[in-house]
Amino acid sequence: MALWNALIRTHHITSRKKVAKLRAAASNYNVYALLRSGSCPGMMYCQGEESDVKDWVSVVQHLRYKDFQLVMKAAKMQTEGGSGREGEEGKETGVELGKLHEAQSVKEFGARMEQLGIWDWWRKGMGYVHND
């Protein structure tokens, strides 16, 4: 199964009602989702099958987050040393499809991106590095 992923940046994520809706959408669409909630910036990461990732992103858009930016559109996932396919590697990273997890800090979110093998992809999407 080819995995797809997407990255969203918002001003902040503080509404627990919206988080509950995102948690339900992760379960309904069988995606792995990671949120960085609390203060600025708000970050959302999603991975799963193509249509499921696109549907989850659509749910986020309809919740009308302030300063919503789809910084990395849904695309086939390319890990930094892998093919982007789920298998033993996916098990090592602890990805649970159908679950939403929350990170309390940018550092914690970044550490999870590194575990998933998409550290450079995430940094580019967040604007921390630029292609020269």
Protein backbone atom coordinates (compact mmCIF):
# COMPACT_ATOMS: atom_id res chain seq x y z
CA MET A 1 0.00 0.00 0.00
CA ALA A 2 1.42 3.37 -1.01
CA LEU A 3 1.12 5.96 1.73
CA TRP A 4 0.21 9.59 1.15
CA ASN A 5 0.74 12.49 3.51
CA ALA A 6 -0.10 16.16 3.96
CA LEU A 7 1.00 18.98 6.26
CA ILE A 8 -1.15 21.88 7.45
CA ARG A 9 -0.13 25.00 9.32
CA THR A 10 -2.58 27.24 11.17
CA HIS A 11 -2.33 30.17 13.54
CA HIS A 12 -3.15 27.94 16.51
CA ILE A 13 -5.24 24.93 17.53
CA THR A 14 -7.04 25.48 20.82
CA SER A 15 -10.66 24.37 20.38
CA ARG A 16 -11.15 20.97 22.03
CA LYS A 17 -14.41 20.58 20.05
CA LYS A 18 -12.48 20.91 16.78
CA VAL A 19 -9.82 18.48 18.04
CA ALA A 20 -12.59 15.98 18.85
CA LYS A 21 -13.90 16.35 15.28
CA LEU A 22 -10.40 15.79 13.90
CA ARG A 23 -10.01 12.71 16.12
CA ALA A 24 -13.31 11.33 14.79
CA ALA A 25 -12.27 12.09 11.19
CA ALA A 26 -8.94 10.28 11.71
CA SER A 27 -10.90 7.23 12.83
CA ASN A 28 -13.53 7.53 10.06
CA TYR A 29 -10.94 7.92 7.30
CA ASN A 30 -8.42 5.51 8.83
CA VAL A 31 -5.49 7.94 8.82
CA TYR A 32 -2.67 8.63 11.23
CA ALA A 33 -2.90 12.27 12.33
CA LEU A 34 -0.59 14.33 14.51
CA LEU A 35 -1.53 17.75 15.89
CA ARG A 36 0.53 20.40 17.61
CA SER A 37 -2.10 22.17 19.68
CA GLY A 38 -2.08 24.91 22.27
CA SER A 39 -0.11 27.96 21.15
CA CYS A 40 1.25 29.20 17.83
CA PRO A 41 1.94 27.71 15.40
CA GLY A 42 -0.72 25.05 14.98
CA MET A 43 0.49 22.10 12.94
CA MET A 44 -1.36 19.10 11.55
CA TYR A 45 0.15 16.10 9.83
CA CYS A 46 -1.80 13.27 8.23
CA GLN A 47 -0.83 10.04 6.48
CA GLY A 48 -2.78 7.16 4.99
CA GLU A 49 -4.25 6.14 1.66
CA GLU A 50 -4.67 8.87 -0.97
CA SER A 51 -8.44 9.39 -0.77
CA ASP A 52 -8.44 9.18 3.03
CA VAL A 53 -5.74 11.84 3.39
CA LYS A 54 -7.57 14.15 0.99
CA ASP A 55 -10.86 13.62 2.86
CA TRP A 56 -9.23 14.34 6.25
CA VAL A 57 -7.67 17.54 4.89
CA SER A 58 -11.12 18.56 3.63
CA VAL A 59 -12.53 18.13 7.15
CA VAL A 60 -9.78 20.42 8.48
CA GLN A 61 -10.56 23.05 5.83
CA HIS A 62 -14.26 23.02 6.71
CA LEU A 63 -13.47 23.67 10.39
CA ARG A 64 -12.22 27.12 9.31
CA TYR A 65 -8.96 27.46 11.19
CA LYS A 66 -7.43 30.94 11.34
CA ASP A 67 -4.61 31.32 8.81
CA PHE A 68 -5.18 27.82 7.34
CA GLN A 69 -2.27 26.89 5.04
CA LEU A 70 -1.96 23.54 3.28
CA VAL A 71 1.82 23.85 3.16
CA MET A 72 2.42 20.36 1.78
CA LYS A 73 -0.51 19.13 -0.33
CA ALA A 74 -1.55 15.49 -0.25
CA ALA A 75 1.06 13.55 -2.20
CA LYS A 76 2.70 10.16 -2.25
CA MET A 77 4.90 9.91 0.83
CA GLN A 78 8.64 9.77 0.26
CA THR A 79 10.72 8.99 3.31
CA GLU A 80 14.35 10.07 3.53
CA GLY A 81 15.79 6.67 2.87
CA GLY A 82 12.68 4.70 2.12
CA SER A 83 10.08 4.18 -0.53
CA GLY A 84 7.05 5.51 1.28
CA ARG A 85 5.49 2.08 1.56
CA GLU A 86 4.08 0.69 4.76
CA GLY A 87 5.57 -2.50 6.08
CA GLU A 88 8.08 -3.32 8.74
CA GLU A 89 9.32 0.27 8.61
CA GLY A 90 5.81 1.58 9.39
CA LYS A 91 5.63 -0.72 12.38
CA GLU A 92 8.95 0.58 13.70
CA THR A 93 7.68 4.15 13.66
CA GLY A 94 4.55 3.24 15.60
CA VAL A 95 2.07 4.64 13.08
CA GLU A 96 -1.47 3.70 14.04
CA LEU A 97 -3.93 4.35 11.25
CA GLY A 98 -7.26 5.60 12.53
CA LYS A 99 -5.65 7.47 15.44
CA LEU A 100 -4.97 11.10 16.21
CA HIS A 101 -2.06 12.02 18.48
CA GLU A 102 -1.12 15.38 19.94
CA ALA A 103 2.32 16.92 20.38
CA GLN A 104 2.73 19.58 23.05
CA SER A 105 5.64 21.41 21.40
CA VAL A 106 7.22 22.08 18.02
CA LYS A 107 10.24 20.11 19.26
CA GLU A 108 8.07 17.07 20.02
CA PHE A 109 6.30 17.39 16.64
CA GLY A 110 9.67 17.61 14.86
CA ALA A 111 10.98 14.56 16.71
CA ARG A 112 7.98 12.60 15.46
CA MET A 113 8.62 13.79 11.89
CA GLU A 114 12.19 12.57 12.25
CA GLN A 115 10.97 9.15 13.48
CA LEU A 116 8.71 8.92 10.44
CA GLY A 117 11.66 9.66 8.14
CA ILE A 118 10.24 12.93 6.82
CA TRP A 119 12.28 15.48 8.80
CA ASP A 120 13.55 17.41 5.73
CA TRP A 121 10.10 17.35 4.07
CA TRP A 122 8.52 18.78 7.25
CA ARG A 123 11.19 21.48 7.67
CA LYS A 124 10.70 22.55 4.05
CA GLY A 125 6.92 22.68 4.47
CA MET A 126 7.17 24.75 7.64
CA GLY A 127 9.51 27.21 5.95
CA TYR A 128 12.48 26.39 8.19
CA VAL A 129 14.68 25.68 5.14
CA HIS A 130 14.54 27.03 1.60
CA ASN A 131 15.63 25.65 -1.74
CA ASP A 132 18.33 27.91 -3.10
